[in-house]
N, C-alpha and C. Protein backbone atom coordinates (compact mmCIF):
# COMPACT_ATOMS: atom_id res chain seq x y z
N MET A 1 55.13 56.16 -77.65
CA MET A 1 54.84 56.40 -76.33
C MET A 1 56.00 55.57 -75.52
N SER A 2 56.58 56.12 -74.61
CA SER A 2 57.57 55.32 -73.89
C SER A 2 56.95 54.25 -72.99
N GLN A 3 57.77 53.25 -72.62
CA GLN A 3 57.19 52.17 -71.70
C GLN A 3 56.90 52.89 -70.32
N PHE A 4 57.76 53.82 -69.83
CA PHE A 4 57.41 54.38 -68.63
C PHE A 4 56.22 55.32 -68.70
N LYS A 5 56.00 55.99 -69.73
CA LYS A 5 54.72 56.67 -69.80
C LYS A 5 53.42 55.77 -69.87
N LEU A 6 53.58 54.61 -70.54
CA LEU A 6 52.44 53.62 -70.65
C LEU A 6 52.09 53.10 -69.12
N ALA A 7 53.26 52.74 -68.52
CA ALA A 7 53.22 52.16 -67.24
C ALA A 7 52.58 53.22 -66.21
N THR A 8 52.99 54.49 -66.25
CA THR A 8 52.57 55.62 -65.47
C THR A 8 50.97 55.73 -65.71
N LEU A 9 50.62 55.92 -66.93
CA LEU A 9 49.17 56.08 -67.27
C LEU A 9 48.30 54.82 -66.70
N ALA A 10 48.88 53.56 -66.91
CA ALA A 10 48.13 52.41 -66.38
C ALA A 10 47.87 52.48 -64.96
N ARG A 11 48.99 52.79 -64.20
CA ARG A 11 48.93 52.90 -62.74
C ARG A 11 47.93 53.92 -62.42
N GLY A 12 47.88 55.08 -63.16
CA GLY A 12 46.87 56.10 -62.76
C GLY A 12 45.44 55.63 -62.97
N ALA A 13 45.26 54.83 -64.08
CA ALA A 13 44.06 54.21 -64.40
C ALA A 13 43.54 53.29 -63.32
N VAL A 14 44.60 52.43 -62.83
CA VAL A 14 44.34 51.53 -61.71
C VAL A 14 43.85 52.23 -60.52
N ALA A 15 44.49 53.28 -60.10
CA ALA A 15 44.06 54.12 -58.99
C ALA A 15 42.81 54.59 -59.14
N ALA A 16 42.34 55.01 -60.35
CA ALA A 16 41.01 55.63 -60.42
C ALA A 16 39.95 54.54 -60.36
N ILE A 17 40.05 53.29 -61.08
CA ILE A 17 39.06 52.30 -61.13
C ILE A 17 39.29 51.34 -59.99
N ALA A 18 40.47 51.24 -59.33
CA ALA A 18 40.73 50.42 -58.08
C ALA A 18 40.16 49.17 -58.37
N ILE A 19 39.44 48.60 -57.43
CA ILE A 19 38.96 47.24 -57.46
C ILE A 19 37.94 47.03 -58.53
N GLY A 20 37.12 48.04 -58.75
CA GLY A 20 35.82 47.95 -59.52
C GLY A 20 36.01 47.24 -60.86
N ALA A 21 37.24 47.47 -61.65
CA ALA A 21 37.41 46.91 -62.94
C ALA A 21 37.63 45.37 -62.91
N ILE A 22 38.49 44.91 -62.03
CA ILE A 22 38.61 43.45 -62.18
C ILE A 22 38.70 42.71 -60.85
N ALA A 23 38.81 43.47 -59.85
CA ALA A 23 38.82 42.83 -58.44
C ALA A 23 37.44 42.89 -57.82
N ILE A 24 37.36 41.96 -56.76
CA ILE A 24 35.84 41.90 -56.21
C ILE A 24 36.14 42.20 -54.67
N GLY A 25 34.98 42.59 -54.02
CA GLY A 25 34.97 42.99 -52.65
C GLY A 25 34.60 41.81 -51.85
N THR A 26 34.05 42.07 -50.55
CA THR A 26 33.89 41.12 -49.48
C THR A 26 32.76 39.96 -50.03
N ALA A 27 32.88 38.79 -49.37
CA ALA A 27 32.06 37.68 -49.73
C ALA A 27 30.65 37.76 -49.00
N GLN A 28 29.65 37.55 -49.95
CA GLN A 28 28.22 37.44 -49.40
C GLN A 28 27.58 36.42 -50.33
N ALA A 29 26.47 35.89 -49.98
CA ALA A 29 25.79 34.83 -50.58
C ALA A 29 25.23 35.49 -51.90
N ALA A 30 25.09 34.70 -52.95
CA ALA A 30 24.38 35.09 -54.13
C ALA A 30 22.82 35.36 -53.92
N ASP A 31 22.16 36.29 -54.59
CA ASP A 31 20.80 36.45 -54.32
C ASP A 31 19.92 35.27 -54.85
N LYS A 32 18.61 35.26 -54.78
CA LYS A 32 17.80 34.18 -55.12
C LYS A 32 17.88 33.73 -56.59
N GLY A 33 18.23 34.67 -57.44
CA GLY A 33 18.37 34.46 -58.86
C GLY A 33 19.58 33.65 -59.24
N GLY A 34 20.47 33.36 -58.35
CA GLY A 34 21.59 32.71 -58.64
C GLY A 34 22.79 33.69 -58.84
N ILE A 35 23.91 33.09 -59.12
CA ILE A 35 25.06 33.91 -59.32
C ILE A 35 24.99 34.79 -60.81
N ARG A 36 25.34 36.08 -60.72
CA ARG A 36 25.11 36.88 -61.87
C ARG A 36 26.45 37.29 -62.50
N ASN A 37 26.41 37.69 -63.77
CA ASN A 37 27.53 38.32 -64.33
C ASN A 37 28.07 39.47 -63.66
N CYS A 38 29.25 39.60 -63.23
CA CYS A 38 29.83 40.76 -62.56
C CYS A 38 29.51 42.02 -63.14
N VAL A 39 29.38 42.13 -64.49
CA VAL A 39 29.30 43.35 -65.20
C VAL A 39 27.73 43.91 -65.02
N ASP A 40 26.81 42.92 -64.70
CA ASP A 40 25.50 43.38 -64.47
C ASP A 40 25.11 43.82 -63.09
N ILE A 41 26.08 43.67 -62.24
CA ILE A 41 25.78 44.02 -60.75
C ILE A 41 26.19 45.48 -60.53
N THR A 42 25.27 46.37 -60.26
CA THR A 42 25.42 47.68 -59.93
C THR A 42 24.87 48.21 -58.76
N GLY A 43 25.13 49.45 -58.36
CA GLY A 43 24.63 50.04 -57.12
C GLY A 43 25.34 49.52 -55.92
N PRO A 44 24.54 49.49 -54.82
CA PRO A 44 25.12 48.93 -53.52
C PRO A 44 25.66 47.40 -53.56
N GLN A 45 25.22 46.70 -54.55
CA GLN A 45 25.64 45.33 -54.63
C GLN A 45 26.96 45.19 -55.31
N ALA A 46 27.39 46.25 -55.93
CA ALA A 46 28.79 46.09 -56.77
C ALA A 46 29.75 45.77 -55.79
N ASN A 47 30.69 44.94 -56.12
CA ASN A 47 31.89 44.62 -55.19
C ASN A 47 31.38 43.86 -54.00
N GLN A 48 30.15 43.46 -53.69
CA GLN A 48 29.67 42.84 -52.52
C GLN A 48 29.12 41.56 -52.65
N VAL A 49 28.77 41.04 -53.79
CA VAL A 49 28.24 39.70 -53.98
C VAL A 49 29.06 38.83 -54.98
N GLY A 50 28.83 37.51 -54.79
CA GLY A 50 29.55 36.62 -55.66
C GLY A 50 29.16 36.96 -56.98
N CYS A 51 30.02 36.69 -58.04
CA CYS A 51 29.70 36.84 -59.50
C CYS A 51 30.59 36.19 -60.29
N TYR A 52 30.29 36.20 -61.68
CA TYR A 52 31.26 35.49 -62.69
C TYR A 52 31.46 36.41 -63.87
N GLU A 53 32.50 36.03 -64.57
CA GLU A 53 32.77 36.68 -65.84
C GLU A 53 33.42 35.60 -66.76
N LYS A 54 33.48 35.88 -67.99
CA LYS A 54 33.99 34.93 -68.98
C LYS A 54 35.53 35.32 -69.01
N VAL A 55 36.34 34.16 -69.24
CA VAL A 55 37.80 34.35 -69.10
C VAL A 55 38.31 33.41 -70.32
N TRP A 56 39.39 33.94 -70.92
CA TRP A 56 40.13 33.03 -71.99
C TRP A 56 41.07 32.31 -71.25
N SER A 57 41.32 31.09 -71.55
CA SER A 57 42.31 30.10 -71.02
C SER A 57 42.85 29.17 -72.12
N GLY A 58 44.04 29.25 -72.51
CA GLY A 58 44.52 28.21 -73.53
C GLY A 58 43.68 28.30 -74.87
N GLY A 59 43.10 29.54 -75.16
CA GLY A 59 42.35 29.72 -76.42
C GLY A 59 40.99 29.36 -76.32
N VAL A 60 40.47 28.90 -75.15
CA VAL A 60 39.13 28.56 -74.85
C VAL A 60 38.42 29.42 -73.98
N GLU A 61 37.17 29.76 -74.24
CA GLU A 61 36.47 30.74 -73.20
C GLU A 61 35.89 29.89 -72.03
N TYR A 62 36.13 30.22 -70.83
CA TYR A 62 35.60 29.56 -69.70
C TYR A 62 34.89 30.68 -68.83
N ARG A 63 34.17 30.18 -67.80
CA ARG A 63 33.43 31.02 -66.97
C ARG A 63 34.30 30.98 -65.58
N MET A 64 34.67 32.20 -64.99
CA MET A 64 35.39 32.35 -63.85
C MET A 64 34.42 32.89 -62.82
N THR A 65 34.22 32.17 -61.70
CA THR A 65 33.43 32.58 -60.55
C THR A 65 34.28 33.16 -59.51
N PHE A 66 34.03 34.45 -59.16
CA PHE A 66 34.77 34.92 -58.18
C PHE A 66 34.42 34.75 -56.81
N SER A 67 35.29 34.45 -55.96
CA SER A 67 34.94 34.15 -54.60
C SER A 67 34.71 35.28 -53.66
N ASN A 68 35.23 36.43 -54.13
CA ASN A 68 35.03 37.65 -53.32
C ASN A 68 35.86 37.65 -52.00
N LEU A 69 36.93 37.11 -52.00
CA LEU A 69 37.64 36.93 -50.84
C LEU A 69 38.79 38.07 -50.67
N LYS A 70 38.81 38.74 -49.62
CA LYS A 70 39.68 39.86 -49.36
C LYS A 70 40.75 39.24 -48.46
N PHE A 71 42.00 39.46 -48.73
CA PHE A 71 43.17 38.84 -47.96
C PHE A 71 43.41 39.87 -46.76
N SER A 72 43.34 39.22 -45.55
CA SER A 72 43.81 40.12 -44.42
C SER A 72 45.14 39.68 -44.17
N GLY A 73 46.00 40.70 -43.61
CA GLY A 73 47.42 40.48 -43.54
C GLY A 73 48.09 40.68 -44.89
N ASN A 74 49.14 39.90 -44.99
CA ASN A 74 49.98 39.93 -46.17
C ASN A 74 49.17 39.33 -47.49
N THR A 75 49.63 40.01 -48.62
CA THR A 75 49.02 39.47 -49.86
C THR A 75 49.81 38.10 -50.17
N PRO A 76 48.96 37.16 -50.69
CA PRO A 76 49.60 35.79 -50.98
C PRO A 76 50.72 36.03 -52.03
N THR A 77 51.77 35.23 -51.93
CA THR A 77 52.82 35.30 -53.01
C THR A 77 52.74 34.28 -54.02
N ASP A 78 51.88 33.26 -53.97
CA ASP A 78 51.76 32.24 -55.06
C ASP A 78 50.63 32.67 -55.92
N LEU A 79 50.79 33.75 -56.67
CA LEU A 79 49.75 34.31 -57.58
C LEU A 79 50.15 34.06 -59.00
N ASP A 80 49.08 33.61 -59.77
CA ASP A 80 49.14 33.51 -61.18
C ASP A 80 48.60 34.84 -61.84
N PRO A 81 49.08 35.14 -63.08
CA PRO A 81 48.57 36.32 -63.69
C PRO A 81 47.11 36.08 -64.09
N PHE A 82 46.53 37.31 -64.12
CA PHE A 82 45.17 37.51 -64.63
C PHE A 82 45.29 38.69 -65.45
N TYR A 83 45.24 38.47 -66.80
CA TYR A 83 45.55 39.41 -67.78
C TYR A 83 44.21 40.14 -68.12
N VAL A 84 44.17 41.47 -68.28
CA VAL A 84 43.22 42.28 -68.88
C VAL A 84 43.69 42.95 -70.00
N LEU A 85 42.98 42.68 -71.18
CA LEU A 85 43.35 43.25 -72.61
C LEU A 85 42.14 43.66 -73.38
N ALA A 86 42.35 44.08 -74.50
CA ALA A 86 41.30 44.50 -75.55
C ALA A 86 40.33 43.27 -75.75
N PRO A 87 39.00 43.37 -76.13
CA PRO A 87 38.38 42.30 -76.47
C PRO A 87 38.73 41.54 -77.58
N GLN A 88 38.72 40.18 -77.49
CA GLN A 88 39.24 39.31 -78.49
C GLN A 88 38.24 38.90 -79.53
N ARG A 89 36.91 39.18 -79.34
CA ARG A 89 35.80 38.92 -80.12
C ARG A 89 34.91 40.13 -80.22
N ALA A 90 33.82 40.00 -81.00
CA ALA A 90 32.93 41.18 -81.12
C ALA A 90 32.23 41.64 -79.73
N GLU A 91 32.06 40.52 -79.00
CA GLU A 91 31.36 40.87 -77.59
C GLU A 91 32.39 40.74 -76.52
N ALA A 92 32.62 41.91 -75.87
CA ALA A 92 33.65 41.98 -74.78
C ALA A 92 33.16 41.11 -73.55
N GLN A 93 34.11 40.51 -72.84
CA GLN A 93 33.86 39.69 -71.59
C GLN A 93 33.39 40.66 -70.57
N GLY A 94 33.99 41.88 -70.53
CA GLY A 94 33.85 42.89 -69.48
C GLY A 94 33.49 44.18 -70.14
N TYR A 95 32.49 44.72 -69.74
CA TYR A 95 32.15 46.13 -70.27
C TYR A 95 31.77 47.22 -69.30
N SER A 96 31.65 46.83 -68.06
CA SER A 96 31.34 47.82 -67.03
C SER A 96 32.02 47.50 -65.68
N PRO A 97 32.25 48.43 -64.96
CA PRO A 97 31.88 49.94 -65.02
C PRO A 97 32.79 50.77 -65.94
N ALA A 98 34.05 50.22 -66.20
CA ALA A 98 35.08 51.06 -66.63
C ALA A 98 35.25 51.08 -68.16
N PHE A 99 35.42 49.91 -68.81
CA PHE A 99 35.80 49.87 -70.16
C PHE A 99 35.58 48.43 -70.87
N LEU A 100 35.59 48.43 -72.12
CA LEU A 100 35.46 47.22 -72.87
C LEU A 100 36.70 46.39 -72.79
N HIS A 101 36.69 45.17 -72.20
CA HIS A 101 37.95 44.42 -71.98
C HIS A 101 37.69 42.88 -71.92
N ASP A 102 38.68 42.02 -72.16
CA ASP A 102 38.71 40.60 -72.01
C ASP A 102 39.54 40.30 -70.92
N HIS A 103 39.66 38.96 -70.50
CA HIS A 103 40.56 38.45 -69.46
C HIS A 103 41.15 37.30 -69.78
N VAL A 104 42.42 36.92 -69.50
CA VAL A 104 43.19 35.73 -69.79
C VAL A 104 43.73 35.20 -68.42
N SER A 105 43.44 33.86 -68.17
CA SER A 105 44.17 33.23 -67.20
C SER A 105 44.82 31.84 -67.65
N ARG A 106 45.63 31.30 -66.71
CA ARG A 106 46.29 30.12 -67.11
C ARG A 106 45.21 28.97 -67.37
N VAL A 107 45.77 27.96 -68.12
CA VAL A 107 44.88 26.62 -68.46
C VAL A 107 44.61 25.95 -67.12
N ALA A 108 43.43 25.51 -67.05
CA ALA A 108 43.01 24.67 -65.90
C ALA A 108 43.83 23.31 -65.93
N PRO A 109 44.30 22.85 -64.74
CA PRO A 109 44.98 21.55 -64.68
C PRO A 109 44.10 20.34 -65.23
N LYS A 110 44.80 19.51 -66.03
CA LYS A 110 43.93 18.51 -66.74
C LYS A 110 43.39 17.43 -65.67
N GLY A 111 44.04 17.01 -64.57
CA GLY A 111 43.54 16.13 -63.66
C GLY A 111 42.55 16.69 -62.75
N ASN A 112 42.09 17.85 -62.91
CA ASN A 112 41.07 18.33 -62.12
C ASN A 112 39.68 18.61 -62.59
N GLY A 113 39.22 17.91 -63.56
CA GLY A 113 37.91 18.00 -64.11
C GLY A 113 37.66 19.31 -64.73
N GLY A 114 38.55 20.21 -64.99
CA GLY A 114 38.30 21.48 -65.60
C GLY A 114 37.91 22.68 -64.67
N THR A 115 37.94 22.31 -63.39
CA THR A 115 37.53 23.23 -62.35
C THR A 115 38.68 23.30 -61.33
N TYR A 116 39.06 24.55 -60.97
CA TYR A 116 40.15 24.66 -59.90
C TYR A 116 40.08 26.02 -59.34
N SER A 117 40.53 26.14 -58.19
CA SER A 117 40.54 27.49 -57.49
C SER A 117 41.93 27.94 -57.60
N THR A 118 42.07 29.40 -57.88
CA THR A 118 43.39 29.89 -57.99
C THR A 118 43.27 31.41 -57.46
N LYS A 119 44.61 31.63 -57.03
CA LYS A 119 44.78 33.13 -56.52
C LYS A 119 45.44 33.86 -57.86
N LEU A 120 44.91 35.08 -58.12
CA LEU A 120 45.40 35.80 -59.30
C LEU A 120 45.86 37.11 -58.87
N GLN A 121 46.75 37.55 -59.73
CA GLN A 121 47.21 38.97 -59.68
C GLN A 121 46.90 39.70 -61.15
N GLY A 122 46.22 40.73 -60.86
CA GLY A 122 45.82 41.47 -62.14
C GLY A 122 46.82 42.27 -62.92
N TYR A 123 46.96 42.19 -64.24
CA TYR A 123 47.86 42.91 -65.09
C TYR A 123 47.04 43.45 -66.24
N PHE A 124 47.49 44.70 -66.65
CA PHE A 124 46.84 45.25 -67.88
C PHE A 124 47.91 44.81 -68.81
N VAL A 125 47.44 44.48 -70.16
CA VAL A 125 48.15 44.11 -71.32
C VAL A 125 48.06 45.25 -72.39
N LEU A 126 49.25 46.05 -72.48
CA LEU A 126 49.20 47.05 -73.42
C LEU A 126 50.25 46.95 -74.51
N CYS A 127 49.91 47.48 -75.59
CA CYS A 127 50.95 47.49 -76.71
C CYS A 127 52.03 48.36 -76.21
N SER A 128 53.39 47.83 -76.46
CA SER A 128 54.49 48.80 -76.07
C SER A 128 54.77 49.73 -77.26
N GLY A 129 55.69 50.60 -76.85
CA GLY A 129 56.00 51.65 -77.93
C GLY A 129 56.51 51.07 -79.29
N GLN A 130 57.40 49.93 -78.98
CA GLN A 130 57.93 49.13 -80.05
C GLN A 130 56.80 48.45 -80.91
N GLY A 131 55.89 47.84 -80.10
CA GLY A 131 54.70 47.25 -81.00
C GLY A 131 53.89 48.06 -81.70
N LEU A 132 53.65 49.43 -81.22
CA LEU A 132 52.83 50.33 -81.87
C LEU A 132 53.62 50.90 -83.07
N THR A 133 54.94 51.24 -82.83
CA THR A 133 55.77 51.78 -84.03
C THR A 133 55.93 50.76 -85.09
N SER A 134 56.11 49.53 -84.75
CA SER A 134 56.32 48.43 -85.82
C SER A 134 54.94 48.07 -86.51
N GLY A 135 53.90 48.30 -85.76
CA GLY A 135 52.58 47.93 -86.26
C GLY A 135 52.34 46.45 -85.95
N SER A 136 53.24 45.74 -85.20
CA SER A 136 52.97 44.30 -84.83
C SER A 136 51.77 44.27 -83.77
N CYS A 137 51.70 45.21 -82.99
CA CYS A 137 50.56 45.24 -81.88
C CYS A 137 49.47 46.03 -82.39
N VAL A 138 48.20 45.54 -82.35
CA VAL A 138 47.17 46.33 -82.73
C VAL A 138 46.31 46.71 -81.62
N PRO A 139 46.24 47.92 -81.13
CA PRO A 139 45.72 48.35 -79.90
C PRO A 139 44.15 48.66 -80.11
N LEU A 140 43.44 48.64 -78.89
CA LEU A 140 42.09 49.27 -78.77
C LEU A 140 42.34 50.40 -77.91
N TRP A 141 42.51 51.60 -78.20
CA TRP A 141 42.67 52.78 -77.30
C TRP A 141 41.37 52.91 -76.52
N THR A 142 41.51 52.80 -75.20
CA THR A 142 40.41 53.04 -74.27
C THR A 142 40.87 53.70 -73.06
N ALA A 143 40.04 54.45 -72.41
CA ALA A 143 40.47 55.25 -71.18
C ALA A 143 39.56 54.73 -69.94
N PRO A 144 40.08 53.64 -69.19
CA PRO A 144 39.39 53.36 -68.15
C PRO A 144 39.18 54.34 -67.14
N ALA A 145 40.03 55.30 -67.11
CA ALA A 145 39.94 56.43 -66.17
C ALA A 145 40.88 57.68 -66.45
N GLY A 146 40.53 58.43 -67.56
CA GLY A 146 41.41 59.38 -67.82
C GLY A 146 42.06 59.24 -69.25
N ASP A 147 43.36 59.32 -69.35
CA ASP A 147 44.06 59.35 -70.53
C ASP A 147 43.76 57.85 -71.19
N PRO A 148 43.55 57.85 -72.62
CA PRO A 148 43.51 56.56 -73.16
C PRO A 148 44.86 55.62 -73.10
N LEU A 149 44.67 54.41 -73.03
CA LEU A 149 45.77 53.39 -73.00
C LEU A 149 45.61 52.35 -74.30
N PRO A 150 46.71 51.99 -74.74
CA PRO A 150 46.55 51.10 -75.91
C PRO A 150 46.58 49.57 -75.45
N PHE A 151 45.25 49.19 -75.09
CA PHE A 151 45.08 47.83 -74.72
C PHE A 151 45.30 46.89 -75.95
N ALA A 152 46.08 45.88 -75.84
CA ALA A 152 46.40 45.01 -76.85
C ALA A 152 45.27 44.22 -77.30
N LYS A 153 45.02 44.12 -78.69
CA LYS A 153 44.03 43.24 -79.41
C LYS A 153 44.71 42.13 -80.05
N THR A 154 45.71 42.47 -80.82
CA THR A 154 46.40 41.37 -81.53
C THR A 154 47.82 41.65 -81.52
N VAL A 155 48.83 40.56 -81.76
CA VAL A 155 50.13 40.88 -82.12
C VAL A 155 50.47 39.88 -83.29
N ASP A 156 51.03 40.62 -84.24
CA ASP A 156 51.34 39.88 -85.60
C ASP A 156 50.14 39.17 -86.08
N GLY A 157 48.91 39.69 -85.91
CA GLY A 157 47.77 39.10 -86.45
C GLY A 157 47.22 38.10 -85.71
N HIS A 158 47.69 37.60 -84.50
CA HIS A 158 47.27 36.60 -83.60
C HIS A 158 46.43 37.04 -82.48
N ASP A 159 45.42 36.33 -82.13
CA ASP A 159 44.72 36.53 -80.95
C ASP A 159 45.53 36.28 -79.66
N LEU A 160 45.08 37.00 -78.57
CA LEU A 160 45.84 36.87 -77.33
C LEU A 160 44.91 36.19 -76.36
N THR A 161 44.58 34.90 -76.67
CA THR A 161 43.52 34.30 -75.75
C THR A 161 44.24 33.18 -74.89
N SER A 162 45.55 33.33 -74.81
CA SER A 162 46.29 32.41 -73.78
C SER A 162 47.49 33.12 -73.21
N THR A 163 47.89 32.63 -72.07
CA THR A 163 49.03 33.33 -71.39
C THR A 163 50.24 33.07 -72.28
N ASP A 164 50.41 31.92 -72.90
CA ASP A 164 51.51 31.65 -73.75
C ASP A 164 51.69 32.77 -74.80
N ALA A 165 50.61 33.16 -75.49
CA ALA A 165 50.62 34.23 -76.55
C ALA A 165 51.04 35.48 -75.92
N ILE A 166 50.54 35.80 -74.85
CA ILE A 166 50.64 37.08 -74.11
C ILE A 166 52.05 37.34 -73.62
N GLU A 167 52.64 36.19 -72.97
CA GLU A 167 53.94 36.36 -72.40
C GLU A 167 55.01 36.20 -73.47
N SER A 168 54.74 35.44 -74.50
CA SER A 168 55.72 35.43 -75.65
C SER A 168 55.92 36.80 -76.41
N ALA A 169 54.72 37.49 -76.50
CA ALA A 169 54.78 38.85 -77.14
C ALA A 169 55.37 39.82 -76.12
N ALA A 170 55.32 39.71 -74.90
CA ALA A 170 55.90 40.57 -73.91
C ALA A 170 57.43 40.40 -73.93
N VAL A 171 57.85 39.14 -74.03
CA VAL A 171 59.27 38.79 -74.12
C VAL A 171 59.91 39.51 -75.36
N SER A 172 59.15 39.38 -76.45
CA SER A 172 59.68 39.98 -77.85
C SER A 172 59.66 41.49 -77.86
N GLY A 173 59.00 42.11 -76.73
CA GLY A 173 58.94 43.51 -76.76
C GLY A 173 57.81 44.20 -77.37
N ASP A 174 56.84 43.42 -77.84
CA ASP A 174 55.58 43.96 -78.40
C ASP A 174 54.49 44.46 -77.36
N LEU A 175 54.62 43.75 -76.18
CA LEU A 175 53.63 44.15 -75.15
C LEU A 175 54.33 44.64 -73.89
N VAL A 176 53.60 45.32 -73.07
CA VAL A 176 54.02 45.76 -71.75
C VAL A 176 53.04 45.15 -70.80
N LEU A 177 53.33 44.39 -69.73
CA LEU A 177 52.48 43.85 -68.74
C LEU A 177 52.63 44.71 -67.63
N VAL A 178 51.54 45.29 -67.17
CA VAL A 178 51.59 46.31 -65.89
C VAL A 178 50.85 45.74 -64.88
N ASN A 179 51.63 45.41 -63.73
CA ASN A 179 51.13 44.83 -62.57
C ASN A 179 50.14 45.75 -61.84
N LEU A 180 48.97 45.44 -61.62
CA LEU A 180 48.10 46.32 -60.94
C LEU A 180 48.17 46.46 -59.47
N GLY A 181 49.10 45.65 -58.95
CA GLY A 181 49.27 45.91 -57.41
C GLY A 181 48.44 45.15 -56.58
N PRO A 182 48.44 45.43 -55.14
CA PRO A 182 47.66 44.61 -54.30
C PRO A 182 46.17 44.84 -54.39
N THR A 183 45.66 45.97 -54.93
CA THR A 183 44.22 46.12 -54.99
C THR A 183 43.64 45.12 -55.94
N ALA A 184 44.49 44.56 -56.99
CA ALA A 184 44.06 43.71 -57.97
C ALA A 184 44.38 42.21 -57.80
N VAL A 185 44.32 41.80 -56.43
CA VAL A 185 44.47 40.42 -56.19
C VAL A 185 43.04 39.84 -55.99
N ILE A 186 42.91 38.74 -56.82
CA ILE A 186 41.52 38.07 -56.79
C ILE A 186 41.73 36.64 -56.58
N VAL A 187 40.53 36.13 -56.25
CA VAL A 187 40.41 34.56 -56.13
C VAL A 187 39.25 34.18 -57.01
N GLY A 188 39.56 33.17 -57.88
CA GLY A 188 38.52 32.72 -58.85
C GLY A 188 38.60 31.16 -59.17
N SER A 189 37.59 30.70 -59.65
CA SER A 189 37.45 29.26 -60.08
C SER A 189 37.03 29.25 -61.50
N LEU A 190 37.82 28.45 -62.37
CA LEU A 190 37.37 28.22 -63.65
C LEU A 190 36.51 27.04 -63.97
N SER A 191 35.47 27.23 -64.73
CA SER A 191 34.74 26.14 -65.15
C SER A 191 34.22 26.15 -66.65
N ASN A 192 34.18 25.13 -67.38
CA ASN A 192 33.77 25.17 -68.82
C ASN A 192 32.38 25.77 -68.93
N ILE A 193 32.20 26.58 -69.90
CA ILE A 193 30.80 27.19 -70.15
C ILE A 193 30.07 26.67 -71.18
N HIS A 194 30.58 25.63 -71.85
CA HIS A 194 29.94 24.97 -72.92
C HIS A 194 28.96 23.85 -72.46
């Protein structure tokens, strides 16, 4: 499958799932039960209340709380990547509303007690045609909205639980990183879940 076709299919999926898959809507206070997992929020509250999801960072699983901030005016330019890929363990970090997936963000700064706020740009992490042909990239074929896409599970037998692993495999040509555009700009805060 060509890089162009993968990117085109991914952009089509983005248009179909828009903000619902990884980005969050307007800010409102959490309900009396406290902040909930984003995947458990459905109906009129979806994309309207604060929530959290698990996120890989530097090979460690953290909890990311989404601030549900929409940017008015220009999209910020100081964005870190927020990668969406195939589940890295038996239990996916995200499973609703669109598809089974995990998330990867940069490592939290050491001098900040493990918690920091960051502005993120969403990317799909897909096996490239080269990665599929050589067998170096193992995909999970899933269809977030329409045609199945080869979301990357491993490259050369290694997990993709850090930005270094993902970006290195992209440079080697085994992965394609598809920028999901301005509808997938989010704000989140990482904290240790252990």
